[in-house]
Amino acid sequence: MVNLELHAFQAQMDPHFIFNSLNAIHHYILTTSTDMASLYLTRFSKLMRLMIANFNKEWVSLEEDVEALELYIQLEQLRFEPQFTYRLHLSPEITHQFTLVPPLIIQPYVQQAIWHRILQRPQKTGGRLEVFIGRDQDHLFIQIEDNGIRGDLQPASYTATQLSRNVAIAAERLHIMSEKHHMHASVTEQEILDERTQSSGSRITIHMQHITSRQLLAG
């Protein structure tokens, strides 16, 4: 588990993501977009702080995890602003301050949706990413929807290899946590079809038992 946590942390601290983010900040500074450079740098530093603070924790609050997730999406959107918009919605049934989730699970699936599907659209505008977190009785579910297409990333490329590795690490960590804490966790992938039954996107759903800090302390 410790080894998987380290690999998950390394996946989130992807050197290409860090390099590209710093390059974007550098670009905004050189083009005298000081407000954008400041915004980008603030979000980047907050994300790094959250990643480092949460990397060796077994549980974090959903509030913390969603904050890190949204910072990541915002940074990618700043780099590819014309290409996609996003919406992140939490059901009011969830008390996100007290709901607990394993960290480093959701973000790899969002990263895959952006890089492997949305950015592969032939049109370089109109991409859509939606993340909905809801509750079904005693289960928490996270739905990640996009209107991208199956990308033609080269199988041997760094990006394709890294995306597959990141998702595999997240899935393995979720499986171990599920076995250890009887979370009944699962991940399903579904193709979204339009009215002509043609593919119009993908939906990833992560299911797990709804666990609160009170339950964990009681256990």
N, C-alpha and C. Protein backbone atom coordinates (compact mmCIF):
# COMPACT_ATOMS: atom_id res chain seq x y z
N MET A 1 0.83 -1.19 0.00
CA MET A 1 0.00 0.00 0.00
C MET A 1 0.87 1.25 0.00
N VAL A 2 1.95 1.22 0.81
CA VAL A 2 2.88 2.36 0.86
C VAL A 2 3.51 2.58 -0.51
N ASN A 3 3.88 1.47 -1.17
CA ASN A 3 4.47 1.56 -2.50
C ASN A 3 3.49 2.17 -3.49
N LEU A 4 2.21 1.76 -3.41
CA LEU A 4 1.19 2.31 -4.30
C LEU A 4 0.95 3.79 -4.03
N GLU A 5 0.99 4.18 -2.74
CA GLU A 5 0.82 5.60 -2.39
C GLU A 5 1.94 6.43 -3.00
N LEU A 6 3.16 5.90 -2.94
CA LEU A 6 4.30 6.61 -3.51
C LEU A 6 4.13 6.75 -5.02
N HIS A 7 3.71 5.67 -5.68
CA HIS A 7 3.51 5.71 -7.13
C HIS A 7 2.37 6.67 -7.49
N ALA A 8 1.31 6.69 -6.68
CA ALA A 8 0.19 7.60 -6.93
C ALA A 8 0.65 9.04 -6.80
N PHE A 9 1.47 9.30 -5.79
CA PHE A 9 1.99 10.66 -5.60
C PHE A 9 2.88 11.05 -6.78
N GLN A 10 3.73 10.13 -7.23
CA GLN A 10 4.60 10.41 -8.38
C GLN A 10 3.76 10.65 -9.63
N ALA A 11 2.64 9.94 -9.75
CA ALA A 11 1.76 10.13 -10.91
C ALA A 11 1.16 11.52 -10.90
N GLN A 12 0.72 11.98 -9.71
CA GLN A 12 0.14 13.32 -9.62
C GLN A 12 1.21 14.39 -9.82
N MET A 13 2.41 14.13 -9.34
CA MET A 13 3.51 15.08 -9.51
C MET A 13 4.23 14.82 -10.84
N ASP A 14 3.45 14.51 -11.84
CA ASP A 14 3.96 14.22 -13.17
C ASP A 14 4.89 15.35 -13.64
N PRO A 15 6.15 15.04 -13.94
CA PRO A 15 7.08 16.10 -14.34
C PRO A 15 6.64 16.88 -15.57
N HIS A 16 5.93 16.20 -16.50
CA HIS A 16 5.45 16.91 -17.68
C HIS A 16 4.39 17.94 -17.31
N PHE A 17 3.50 17.58 -16.37
CA PHE A 17 2.49 18.54 -15.93
C PHE A 17 3.15 19.73 -15.24
N ILE A 18 4.12 19.46 -14.37
CA ILE A 18 4.81 20.55 -13.67
C ILE A 18 5.57 21.43 -14.65
N PHE A 19 6.29 20.81 -15.58
CA PHE A 19 7.06 21.57 -16.58
C PHE A 19 6.13 22.44 -17.43
N ASN A 20 5.02 21.85 -17.89
CA ASN A 20 4.09 22.60 -18.74
C ASN A 20 3.42 23.73 -17.98
N SER A 21 3.11 23.50 -16.70
CA SER A 21 2.50 24.55 -15.89
C SER A 21 3.47 25.71 -15.69
N LEU A 22 4.72 25.40 -15.37
CA LEU A 22 5.72 26.46 -15.18
C LEU A 22 6.00 27.18 -16.50
N ASN A 23 5.95 26.45 -17.60
CA ASN A 23 6.12 27.07 -18.91
C ASN A 23 5.00 28.07 -19.20
N ALA A 24 3.77 27.69 -18.83
CA ALA A 24 2.62 28.58 -19.04
C ALA A 24 2.76 29.84 -18.20
N ILE A 25 3.20 29.69 -16.95
CA ILE A 25 3.42 30.85 -16.09
C ILE A 25 4.48 31.75 -16.70
N HIS A 26 5.55 31.14 -17.20
CA HIS A 26 6.63 31.89 -17.84
C HIS A 26 6.11 32.66 -19.05
N HIS A 27 5.27 32.01 -19.82
CA HIS A 27 4.68 32.64 -21.01
C HIS A 27 3.87 33.88 -20.63
N TYR A 28 3.03 33.74 -19.58
CA TYR A 28 2.21 34.87 -19.16
C TYR A 28 3.07 36.03 -18.66
N ILE A 29 4.17 35.71 -17.98
CA ILE A 29 5.07 36.77 -17.51
C ILE A 29 5.69 37.49 -18.69
N LEU A 30 6.16 36.74 -19.68
CA LEU A 30 6.83 37.34 -20.85
C LEU A 30 5.86 38.17 -21.69
N THR A 31 4.61 37.76 -21.71
CA THR A 31 3.63 38.50 -22.53
C THR A 31 2.93 39.58 -21.71
N THR A 32 3.51 39.92 -20.57
CA THR A 32 3.02 40.96 -19.67
C THR A 32 1.59 40.69 -19.16
N SER A 33 1.16 39.43 -19.21
CA SER A 33 -0.14 39.08 -18.63
C SER A 33 0.08 38.79 -17.15
N THR A 34 0.39 39.82 -16.40
CA THR A 34 0.77 39.61 -15.00
C THR A 34 -0.39 39.07 -14.16
N ASP A 35 -1.62 39.48 -14.47
CA ASP A 35 -2.77 38.96 -13.72
C ASP A 35 -2.93 37.46 -13.94
N MET A 36 -2.77 37.02 -15.21
CA MET A 36 -2.88 35.60 -15.51
C MET A 36 -1.74 34.83 -14.88
N ALA A 37 -0.53 35.40 -14.94
CA ALA A 37 0.62 34.73 -14.33
C ALA A 37 0.42 34.56 -12.83
N SER A 38 -0.11 35.59 -12.18
CA SER A 38 -0.37 35.53 -10.75
C SER A 38 -1.43 34.50 -10.42
N LEU A 39 -2.53 34.48 -11.22
CA LEU A 39 -3.60 33.52 -11.02
C LEU A 39 -3.09 32.09 -11.18
N TYR A 40 -2.34 31.85 -12.25
CA TYR A 40 -1.80 30.52 -12.54
C TYR A 40 -0.86 30.08 -11.43
N LEU A 41 0.03 30.98 -11.00
CA LEU A 41 1.02 30.65 -9.97
C LEU A 41 0.33 30.35 -8.64
N THR A 42 -0.71 31.13 -8.30
CA THR A 42 -1.43 30.89 -7.05
C THR A 42 -2.09 29.52 -7.04
N ARG A 43 -2.76 29.19 -8.14
CA ARG A 43 -3.43 27.89 -8.23
C ARG A 43 -2.43 26.74 -8.24
N PHE A 44 -1.33 26.93 -8.96
CA PHE A 44 -0.30 25.89 -9.04
C PHE A 44 0.30 25.63 -7.65
N SER A 45 0.61 26.68 -6.92
CA SER A 45 1.23 26.51 -5.59
C SER A 45 0.24 25.86 -4.62
N LYS A 46 -1.05 26.22 -4.69
CA LYS A 46 -2.06 25.59 -3.83
C LYS A 46 -2.17 24.10 -4.12
N LEU A 47 -2.15 23.76 -5.42
CA LEU A 47 -2.26 22.35 -5.81
C LEU A 47 -1.05 21.57 -5.31
N MET A 48 0.15 22.11 -5.46
CA MET A 48 1.35 21.43 -4.97
C MET A 48 1.28 21.22 -3.46
N ARG A 49 0.80 22.24 -2.74
CA ARG A 49 0.70 22.13 -1.28
C ARG A 49 -0.27 21.01 -0.89
N LEU A 50 -1.43 20.95 -1.56
CA LEU A 50 -2.41 19.91 -1.25
C LEU A 50 -1.89 18.52 -1.60
N MET A 51 -1.22 18.39 -2.74
CA MET A 51 -0.67 17.09 -3.14
C MET A 51 0.33 16.58 -2.11
N ILE A 52 1.23 17.45 -1.69
CA ILE A 52 2.27 17.05 -0.73
C ILE A 52 1.64 16.74 0.63
N ALA A 53 0.65 17.56 1.04
CA ALA A 53 0.02 17.35 2.35
C ALA A 53 -0.77 16.05 2.41
N ASN A 54 -1.36 15.64 1.27
CA ASN A 54 -2.27 14.49 1.28
C ASN A 54 -1.66 13.18 0.81
N PHE A 55 -0.42 13.22 0.33
CA PHE A 55 0.09 12.07 -0.41
C PHE A 55 0.16 10.80 0.43
N ASN A 56 0.50 10.89 1.73
CA ASN A 56 0.64 9.65 2.52
C ASN A 56 -0.53 9.44 3.47
N LYS A 57 -1.66 10.11 3.21
CA LYS A 57 -2.85 9.91 4.03
C LYS A 57 -3.71 8.82 3.43
N GLU A 58 -4.28 8.02 4.30
CA GLU A 58 -5.20 6.97 3.83
C GLU A 58 -6.55 7.57 3.46
N TRP A 59 -6.96 8.61 4.18
CA TRP A 59 -8.24 9.27 3.94
C TRP A 59 -8.04 10.79 3.95
N VAL A 60 -8.83 11.48 3.14
CA VAL A 60 -8.92 12.94 3.22
C VAL A 60 -10.40 13.29 3.12
N SER A 61 -10.76 14.50 3.53
CA SER A 61 -12.15 14.91 3.37
C SER A 61 -12.44 15.11 1.89
N LEU A 62 -13.69 14.88 1.52
CA LEU A 62 -14.09 15.10 0.13
C LEU A 62 -13.86 16.55 -0.24
N GLU A 63 -14.02 17.45 0.71
CA GLU A 63 -13.80 18.88 0.47
C GLU A 63 -12.37 19.13 0.00
N GLU A 64 -11.38 18.53 0.68
CA GLU A 64 -9.97 18.70 0.30
C GLU A 64 -9.70 18.09 -1.07
N ASP A 65 -10.26 16.89 -1.30
CA ASP A 65 -9.99 16.19 -2.55
C ASP A 65 -10.58 16.96 -3.73
N VAL A 66 -11.78 17.49 -3.55
CA VAL A 66 -12.43 18.25 -4.62
C VAL A 66 -11.69 19.56 -4.86
N GLU A 67 -11.16 20.18 -3.81
CA GLU A 67 -10.39 21.41 -3.99
C GLU A 67 -9.16 21.15 -4.88
N ALA A 68 -8.44 20.06 -4.58
CA ALA A 68 -7.27 19.72 -5.39
C ALA A 68 -7.68 19.37 -6.81
N LEU A 69 -8.78 18.64 -6.96
CA LEU A 69 -9.26 18.25 -8.29
C LEU A 69 -9.61 19.48 -9.12
N GLU A 70 -10.31 20.43 -8.50
CA GLU A 70 -10.72 21.62 -9.26
C GLU A 70 -9.52 22.48 -9.63
N LEU A 71 -8.53 22.56 -8.73
CA LEU A 71 -7.31 23.31 -9.06
C LEU A 71 -6.62 22.69 -10.27
N TYR A 72 -6.56 21.35 -10.29
CA TYR A 72 -5.94 20.66 -11.43
C TYR A 72 -6.69 20.98 -12.73
N ILE A 73 -8.03 20.87 -12.70
CA ILE A 73 -8.82 21.14 -13.90
C ILE A 73 -8.63 22.59 -14.35
N GLN A 74 -8.64 23.52 -13.40
CA GLN A 74 -8.47 24.94 -13.73
C GLN A 74 -7.13 25.21 -14.39
N LEU A 75 -6.08 24.55 -13.91
CA LEU A 75 -4.76 24.73 -14.52
C LEU A 75 -4.73 24.20 -15.95
N GLU A 76 -5.34 23.05 -16.17
CA GLU A 76 -5.39 22.51 -17.53
C GLU A 76 -6.25 23.39 -18.43
N GLN A 77 -7.33 23.92 -17.85
CA GLN A 77 -8.20 24.78 -18.65
C GLN A 77 -7.50 26.09 -19.03
N LEU A 78 -6.68 26.62 -18.14
CA LEU A 78 -5.94 27.83 -18.46
C LEU A 78 -5.01 27.61 -19.64
N ARG A 79 -4.45 26.40 -19.72
CA ARG A 79 -3.55 26.07 -20.83
C ARG A 79 -4.31 25.82 -22.12
N PHE A 80 -5.51 25.23 -22.01
CA PHE A 80 -6.27 24.83 -23.20
C PHE A 80 -7.64 25.50 -23.22
N GLU A 81 -7.69 26.76 -22.79
CA GLU A 81 -8.96 27.45 -22.55
C GLU A 81 -9.96 27.36 -23.70
N PRO A 82 -9.55 27.53 -24.95
CA PRO A 82 -10.57 27.47 -26.02
C PRO A 82 -11.13 26.07 -26.22
N GLN A 83 -10.42 25.04 -25.71
CA GLN A 83 -10.78 23.68 -26.10
C GLN A 83 -11.85 23.03 -25.24
N PHE A 84 -11.98 23.44 -23.97
CA PHE A 84 -13.02 22.79 -23.17
C PHE A 84 -13.45 23.67 -22.00
N THR A 85 -14.67 23.42 -21.56
CA THR A 85 -15.21 24.00 -20.34
C THR A 85 -15.47 22.86 -19.37
N TYR A 86 -15.67 23.22 -18.12
CA TYR A 86 -15.94 22.15 -17.15
C TYR A 86 -17.02 22.60 -16.16
N ARG A 87 -17.65 21.60 -15.55
CA ARG A 87 -18.61 21.86 -14.47
C ARG A 87 -18.40 20.79 -13.41
N LEU A 88 -18.26 21.22 -12.16
CA LEU A 88 -18.07 20.30 -11.05
C LEU A 88 -19.21 20.54 -10.05
N HIS A 89 -20.01 19.51 -9.84
CA HIS A 89 -21.20 19.68 -9.01
C HIS A 89 -21.23 18.64 -7.90
N LEU A 90 -21.45 19.10 -6.65
CA LEU A 90 -21.62 18.21 -5.51
C LEU A 90 -23.07 18.23 -5.07
N SER A 91 -23.64 17.05 -4.87
CA SER A 91 -25.02 16.96 -4.41
C SER A 91 -25.14 17.57 -3.02
N PRO A 92 -26.21 18.34 -2.77
CA PRO A 92 -26.40 18.92 -1.43
C PRO A 92 -26.63 17.88 -0.36
N GLU A 93 -26.88 16.62 -0.74
CA GLU A 93 -27.06 15.54 0.23
C GLU A 93 -25.75 15.16 0.92
N ILE A 94 -24.64 15.61 0.36
CA ILE A 94 -23.32 15.20 0.88
C ILE A 94 -22.73 16.33 1.73
N THR A 95 -22.35 15.97 2.95
CA THR A 95 -21.60 16.92 3.79
C THR A 95 -20.12 16.73 3.48
N HIS A 96 -19.62 17.52 2.51
CA HIS A 96 -18.30 17.23 1.98
C HIS A 96 -17.18 17.49 2.98
N GLN A 97 -17.46 18.25 4.07
CA GLN A 97 -16.43 18.46 5.07
C GLN A 97 -16.17 17.19 5.88
N PHE A 98 -17.20 16.33 6.03
CA PHE A 98 -17.09 15.15 6.88
C PHE A 98 -17.08 13.84 6.10
N THR A 99 -17.37 13.89 4.81
CA THR A 99 -17.28 12.69 3.97
C THR A 99 -15.82 12.42 3.65
N LEU A 100 -15.41 11.17 3.80
CA LEU A 100 -14.01 10.80 3.58
C LEU A 100 -13.86 9.98 2.30
N VAL A 101 -12.76 10.21 1.59
CA VAL A 101 -12.43 9.44 0.39
C VAL A 101 -10.93 9.16 0.40
N PRO A 102 -10.50 8.10 -0.27
CA PRO A 102 -9.06 7.91 -0.44
C PRO A 102 -8.52 8.97 -1.40
N PRO A 103 -7.42 9.63 -1.07
CA PRO A 103 -6.89 10.64 -1.99
C PRO A 103 -6.27 10.00 -3.23
N LEU A 104 -6.05 10.80 -4.25
CA LEU A 104 -5.34 10.39 -5.47
C LEU A 104 -6.10 9.35 -6.29
N ILE A 105 -7.43 9.33 -6.15
CA ILE A 105 -8.24 8.36 -6.89
C ILE A 105 -8.95 9.01 -8.08
N ILE A 106 -9.63 10.13 -7.86
CA ILE A 106 -10.49 10.72 -8.89
C ILE A 106 -9.68 11.39 -9.99
N GLN A 107 -8.63 12.12 -9.61
CA GLN A 107 -7.89 12.96 -10.56
C GLN A 107 -7.34 12.20 -11.77
N PRO A 108 -6.80 10.97 -11.62
CA PRO A 108 -6.28 10.28 -12.81
C PRO A 108 -7.35 10.02 -13.88
N TYR A 109 -8.60 9.77 -13.46
CA TYR A 109 -9.67 9.54 -14.42
C TYR A 109 -10.06 10.84 -15.13
N VAL A 110 -9.99 11.96 -14.40
CA VAL A 110 -10.26 13.26 -15.01
C VAL A 110 -9.13 13.60 -15.99
N GLN A 111 -7.91 13.34 -15.58
CA GLN A 111 -6.76 13.58 -16.46
C GLN A 111 -6.88 12.79 -17.75
N GLN A 112 -7.30 11.54 -17.64
CA GLN A 112 -7.47 10.70 -18.83
C GLN A 112 -8.58 11.25 -19.73
N ALA A 113 -9.68 11.73 -19.11
CA ALA A 113 -10.78 12.29 -19.90
C ALA A 113 -10.32 13.51 -20.69
N ILE A 114 -9.50 14.35 -20.06
CA ILE A 114 -9.02 15.57 -20.73
C ILE A 114 -8.05 15.22 -21.84
N TRP A 115 -7.02 14.45 -21.50
CA TRP A 115 -5.92 14.23 -22.45
C TRP A 115 -6.24 13.18 -23.50
N HIS A 116 -6.92 12.12 -23.11
CA HIS A 116 -7.12 11.00 -24.02
C HIS A 116 -8.36 11.16 -24.89
N ARG A 117 -9.29 12.05 -24.44
CA ARG A 117 -10.54 12.16 -25.18
C ARG A 117 -10.84 13.61 -25.61
N ILE A 118 -10.95 14.53 -24.66
CA ILE A 118 -11.36 15.89 -25.01
C ILE A 118 -10.35 16.56 -25.94
N LEU A 119 -9.07 16.49 -25.61
CA LEU A 119 -8.06 17.17 -26.43
C LEU A 119 -7.83 16.47 -27.77
N GLN A 120 -8.42 15.29 -27.95
CA GLN A 120 -8.29 14.58 -29.22
C GLN A 120 -9.43 14.89 -30.19
N ARG A 121 -10.37 15.73 -29.75
CA ARG A 121 -11.46 16.12 -30.65
C ARG A 121 -10.89 16.88 -31.85
N PRO A 122 -11.38 16.58 -33.08
CA PRO A 122 -10.87 17.31 -34.25
C PRO A 122 -11.20 18.80 -34.17
N GLN A 123 -12.36 19.14 -33.58
CA GLN A 123 -12.67 20.55 -33.35
C GLN A 123 -11.90 20.97 -32.10
N LYS A 124 -11.26 22.11 -32.16
CA LYS A 124 -10.45 22.56 -31.02
C LYS A 124 -11.23 23.48 -30.10
N THR A 125 -12.54 23.42 -30.19
CA THR A 125 -13.43 24.13 -29.27
C THR A 125 -14.60 23.22 -28.93
N GLY A 126 -15.36 23.60 -27.90
CA GLY A 126 -16.60 22.88 -27.60
C GLY A 126 -16.44 21.64 -26.75
N GLY A 127 -15.23 21.37 -26.25
CA GLY A 127 -15.06 20.23 -25.36
C GLY A 127 -15.79 20.47 -24.05
N ARG A 128 -16.28 19.40 -23.45
CA ARG A 128 -17.05 19.53 -22.22
C ARG A 128 -16.65 18.44 -21.24
N LEU A 129 -16.38 18.86 -20.01
CA LEU A 129 -16.06 17.93 -18.92
C LEU A 129 -17.03 18.22 -17.77
N GLU A 130 -17.69 17.17 -17.28
CA GLU A 130 -18.61 17.33 -16.16
C GLU A 130 -18.28 16.29 -15.10
N VAL A 131 -18.15 16.76 -13.87
CA VAL A 131 -17.90 15.86 -12.73
C VAL A 131 -19.05 16.06 -11.75
N PHE A 132 -19.78 14.99 -11.48
CA PHE A 132 -20.90 15.05 -10.54
C PHE A 132 -20.64 14.06 -9.41
N ILE A 133 -20.73 14.54 -8.18
CA ILE A 133 -20.53 13.69 -7.01
C ILE A 133 -21.83 13.65 -6.23
N GLY A 134 -22.38 12.46 -6.12
CA GLY A 134 -23.68 12.30 -5.48
C GLY A 134 -23.70 11.15 -4.50
N ARG A 135 -24.86 10.93 -3.94
CA ARG A 135 -25.03 9.88 -2.93
C ARG A 135 -26.29 9.09 -3.25
N ASP A 136 -26.16 7.77 -3.16
CA ASP A 136 -27.29 6.87 -3.35
C ASP A 136 -27.39 6.01 -2.10
N GLN A 137 -28.25 6.41 -1.18
CA GLN A 137 -28.38 5.77 0.14
C GLN A 137 -27.01 5.77 0.84
N ASP A 138 -26.42 4.60 1.07
CA ASP A 138 -25.15 4.59 1.80
C ASP A 138 -23.95 4.50 0.87
N HIS A 139 -24.15 4.83 -0.41
CA HIS A 139 -23.05 4.79 -1.37
C HIS A 139 -22.77 6.18 -1.95
N LEU A 140 -21.50 6.43 -2.15
CA LEU A 140 -21.04 7.66 -2.81
C LEU A 140 -20.70 7.30 -4.24
N PHE A 141 -21.06 8.17 -5.18
CA PHE A 141 -20.64 7.91 -6.56
C PHE A 141 -20.11 9.19 -7.19
N ILE A 142 -19.10 9.00 -8.02
CA ILE A 142 -18.46 10.10 -8.74
C ILE A 142 -18.60 9.80 -10.22
N GLN A 143 -19.31 10.66 -10.96
CA GLN A 143 -19.46 10.48 -12.41
C GLN A 143 -18.61 11.51 -13.14
N ILE A 144 -17.81 11.03 -14.08
CA ILE A 144 -16.96 11.89 -14.89
C ILE A 144 -17.41 11.71 -16.34
N GLU A 145 -18.01 12.75 -16.90
CA GLU A 145 -18.51 12.68 -18.27
C GLU A 145 -17.76 13.65 -19.16
N ASP A 146 -17.56 13.23 -20.41
CA ASP A 146 -16.92 14.12 -21.38
C ASP A 146 -17.53 13.86 -22.75
N ASN A 147 -17.37 14.82 -23.65
CA ASN A 147 -17.86 14.66 -25.02
C ASN A 147 -16.69 14.49 -26.00
N GLY A 148 -15.61 13.91 -25.48
CA GLY A 148 -14.44 13.68 -26.32
C GLY A 148 -14.58 12.42 -27.15
N ILE A 149 -13.51 12.12 -27.86
CA ILE A 149 -13.48 10.90 -28.68
C ILE A 149 -12.30 10.07 -28.23
N ARG A 150 -12.34 8.79 -28.58
CA ARG A 150 -11.21 7.93 -28.29
C ARG A 150 -10.01 8.45 -29.06
N GLY A 151 -9.00 8.90 -28.33
CA GLY A 151 -7.86 9.54 -28.98
C GLY A 151 -6.97 8.58 -29.71
N ASP A 152 -6.21 9.12 -30.64
CA ASP A 152 -5.25 8.30 -31.39
C ASP A 152 -3.84 8.56 -30.86
N LEU A 153 -3.73 8.68 -29.51
CA LEU A 153 -2.40 8.80 -28.91
C LEU A 153 -1.59 7.56 -29.29
N GLN A 154 -0.34 7.78 -29.62
CA GLN A 154 0.52 6.65 -29.96
C GLN A 154 0.67 5.75 -28.73
N PRO A 155 0.45 4.43 -28.88
CA PRO A 155 0.50 3.54 -27.72
C PRO A 155 1.81 3.61 -26.95
N ALA A 156 2.90 3.87 -27.64
CA ALA A 156 4.21 3.89 -26.97
C ALA A 156 4.59 5.28 -26.49
N SER A 157 3.73 6.29 -26.69
CA SER A 157 4.09 7.65 -26.31
C SER A 157 4.09 7.80 -24.80
N TYR A 158 4.82 8.82 -24.33
CA TYR A 158 4.88 9.07 -22.89
C TYR A 158 3.49 9.33 -22.34
N THR A 159 2.72 10.18 -23.02
CA THR A 159 1.41 10.57 -22.52
C THR A 159 0.49 9.37 -22.38
N ALA A 160 0.42 8.54 -23.41
CA ALA A 160 -0.46 7.37 -23.37
C ALA A 160 -0.03 6.41 -22.27
N THR A 161 1.27 6.16 -22.16
CA THR A 161 1.79 5.25 -21.14
C THR A 161 1.52 5.78 -19.75
N GLN A 162 1.76 7.08 -19.55
CA GLN A 162 1.57 7.69 -18.24
C GLN A 162 0.10 7.68 -17.84
N LEU A 163 -0.80 7.99 -18.78
CA LEU A 163 -2.23 7.99 -18.47
C LEU A 163 -2.68 6.60 -18.04
N SER A 164 -2.28 5.58 -18.77
CA SER A 164 -2.65 4.20 -18.44
C SER A 164 -2.10 3.81 -17.07
N ARG A 165 -0.87 4.20 -16.81
CA ARG A 165 -0.23 3.88 -15.53
C ARG A 165 -0.94 4.57 -14.38
N ASN A 166 -1.28 5.85 -14.56
CA ASN A 166 -1.94 6.60 -13.49
C ASN A 166 -3.29 5.99 -13.12
N VAL A 167 -4.06 5.62 -14.15
CA VAL A 167 -5.38 5.03 -13.92
C VAL A 167 -5.23 3.64 -13.27
N ALA A 168 -4.25 2.87 -13.71
CA ALA A 168 -4.03 1.54 -13.12
C ALA A 168 -3.67 1.64 -11.64
N ILE A 169 -2.85 2.63 -11.29
CA ILE A 169 -2.46 2.84 -9.89
C ILE A 169 -3.68 3.23 -9.06
N ALA A 170 -4.50 4.15 -9.60
CA ALA A 170 -5.71 4.57 -8.88
C ALA A 170 -6.65 3.40 -8.66
N ALA A 171 -6.84 2.58 -9.70
CA ALA A 171 -7.74 1.43 -9.60
C ALA A 171 -7.23 0.42 -8.57
N GLU A 172 -5.92 0.19 -8.54
CA GLU A 172 -5.34 -0.76 -7.59
C GLU A 172 -5.46 -0.25 -6.16
N ARG A 173 -5.23 1.05 -5.96
CA ARG A 173 -5.35 1.63 -4.62
C ARG A 173 -6.81 1.53 -4.14
N LEU A 174 -7.74 1.83 -5.04
CA LEU A 174 -9.15 1.75 -4.67
C LEU A 174 -9.53 0.32 -4.31
N HIS A 175 -9.01 -0.65 -5.05
CA HIS A 175 -9.29 -2.06 -4.77
C HIS A 175 -8.76 -2.45 -3.40
N ILE A 176 -7.55 -2.05 -3.07
CA ILE A 176 -6.95 -2.40 -1.77
C ILE A 176 -7.73 -1.75 -0.63
N MET A 177 -8.09 -0.46 -0.81
CA MET A 177 -8.87 0.23 0.22
C MET A 177 -10.25 -0.43 0.38
N SER A 178 -10.83 -0.87 -0.72
CA SER A 178 -12.13 -1.52 -0.68
C SER A 178 -12.06 -2.82 0.10
N GLU A 179 -11.01 -3.60 -0.14
CA GLU A 179 -10.83 -4.87 0.57
C GLU A 179 -10.60 -4.62 2.06
N LYS A 180 -9.80 -3.63 2.36
CA LYS A 180 -9.42 -3.37 3.75
C LYS A 180 -10.59 -2.83 4.57
N HIS A 181 -11.40 -1.93 3.96
CA HIS A 181 -12.45 -1.26 4.71
C HIS A 181 -13.87 -1.67 4.27
N HIS A 182 -13.97 -2.72 3.44
CA HIS A 182 -15.26 -3.24 2.98
C HIS A 182 -16.11 -2.12 2.37
N MET A 183 -15.50 -1.39 1.44
CA MET A 183 -16.16 -0.23 0.81
C MET A 183 -17.03 -0.61 -0.38
N HIS A 184 -16.89 -1.85 -0.87
CA HIS A 184 -17.65 -2.30 -2.04
C HIS A 184 -17.44 -1.33 -3.22
N ALA A 185 -16.20 -0.96 -3.43
CA ALA A 185 -15.87 0.04 -4.46
C ALA A 185 -15.78 -0.61 -5.84
N SER A 186 -16.12 0.17 -6.86
CA SER A 186 -16.02 -0.31 -8.24
C SER A 186 -15.87 0.88 -9.17
N VAL A 187 -15.35 0.61 -10.36
CA VAL A 187 -15.22 1.63 -11.40
C VAL A 187 -15.81 1.05 -12.68
N THR A 188 -16.74 1.77 -13.29
CA THR A 188 -17.34 1.32 -14.55
C THR A 188 -17.17 2.40 -15.61
N GLU A 189 -17.05 1.95 -16.84
CA GLU A 189 -16.92 2.88 -17.96
C GLU A 189 -18.05 2.60 -18.94
N GLN A 190 -18.64 3.68 -19.45
CA GLN A 190 -19.81 3.55 -20.33
C GLN A 190 -19.70 4.55 -21.47
N GLU A 191 -20.00 4.09 -22.67
CA GLU A 191 -20.04 4.98 -23.82
C GLU A 191 -21.37 5.71 -23.85
N ILE A 192 -21.34 7.02 -24.09
CA ILE A 192 -22.57 7.81 -24.19
C ILE A 192 -22.98 7.89 -25.65
N LEU A 193 -24.24 7.57 -25.93
CA LEU A 193 -24.75 7.57 -27.30
C LEU A 193 -25.73 8.72 -27.48
N ASP A 194 -25.72 9.32 -28.67
CA ASP A 194 -26.68 10.37 -28.96
C ASP A 194 -27.97 9.77 -29.51
N GLU A 195 -28.89 10.64 -29.96
CA GLU A 195 -30.19 10.14 -30.43
C GLU A 195 -30.07 9.26 -31.68
N ARG A 196 -28.94 9.36 -32.40
CA ARG A 196 -28.72 8.51 -33.58
C ARG A 196 -27.89 7.28 -33.22
N THR A 197 -27.79 7.02 -31.92
CA THR A 197 -27.00 5.90 -31.38
C THR A 197 -25.55 5.96 -31.81
N GLN A 198 -25.04 7.16 -32.01
CA GLN A 198 -23.62 7.34 -32.31
C GLN A 198 -22.92 7.81 -31.05
N SER A 199 -21.66 7.46 -30.93
CA SER A 199 -20.90 7.80 -29.74
C SER A 199 -20.77 9.32 -29.61
N SER A 200 -21.10 9.83 -28.42
CA SER A 200 -20.97 11.27 -28.19
C SER A 200 -20.15 11.58 -26.94
N GLY A 201 -19.51 10.54 -26.39
CA GLY A 201 -18.67 10.78 -25.23
C GLY A 201 -18.53 9.55 -24.36
N SER A 202 -18.01 9.77 -23.17
CA SER A 202 -17.76 8.67 -22.23
C SER A 202 -18.20 9.07 -20.83
N ARG A 203 -18.54 8.06 -20.05
CA ARG A 203 -18.90 8.28 -18.64
C ARG A 203 -18.15 7.26 -17.77
N ILE A 204 -17.38 7.75 -16.83
CA ILE A 204 -16.72 6.90 -15.84
C ILE A 204 -17.46 7.10 -14.53
N THR A 205 -17.82 6.01 -13.86
CA THR A 205 -18.49 6.10 -12.58
C THR A 205 -17.69 5.33 -11.53
N ILE A 206 -17.33 6.03 -10.47
CA ILE A 206 -16.63 5.42 -9.33
C ILE A 206 -17.64 5.29 -8.20
N HIS A 207 -17.87 4.06 -7.75
CA HIS A 207 -18.78 3.80 -6.63
C HIS A 207 -17.97 3.38 -5.42
N MET A 208 -18.39 3.85 -4.25
CA MET A 208 -17.79 3.37 -3.01
C MET A 208 -18.76 3.65 -1.86
N GLN A 209 -18.54 2.94 -0.77
CA GLN A 209 -19.39 3.18 0.39
C GLN A 209 -19.20 4.60 0.89
N HIS A 210 -20.30 5.23 1.28
CA HIS A 210 -20.23 6.58 1.86
C HIS A 210 -19.71 6.46 3.28
N ILE A 211 -18.52 7.01 3.53
CA ILE A 211 -17.87 6.91 4.83
C ILE A 211 -17.66 8.30 5.38
N THR A 212 -18.00 8.49 6.65
CA THR A 212 -17.81 9.78 7.30
C THR A 212 -16.72 9.67 8.36
N SER A 213 -16.22 10.81 8.77
CA SER A 213 -15.18 10.81 9.81
C SER A 213 -15.69 10.20 11.11
N ARG A 214 -16.99 10.39 11.39
CA ARG A 214 -17.57 9.80 12.60
C ARG A 214 -17.56 8.28 12.52
N GLN A 215 -17.91 7.73 11.34
CA GLN A 215 -17.90 6.27 11.17
C GLN A 215 -16.50 5.71 11.33
N LEU A 216 -15.52 6.41 10.76
CA LEU A 216 -14.14 5.93 10.83
C LEU A 216 -13.65 5.91 12.27
N LEU A 217 -13.97 6.95 13.03
CA LEU A 217 -13.58 7.00 14.43
C LEU A 217 -14.28 5.91 15.24
N ALA A 218 -15.56 5.66 14.91
CA ALA A 218 -16.32 4.62 15.61
C ALA A 218 -15.78 3.23 15.32
N GLY A 219 -15.24 3.08 14.06
CA GLY A 219 -14.71 1.77 13.68
C GLY A 219 -13.40 1.46 14.36
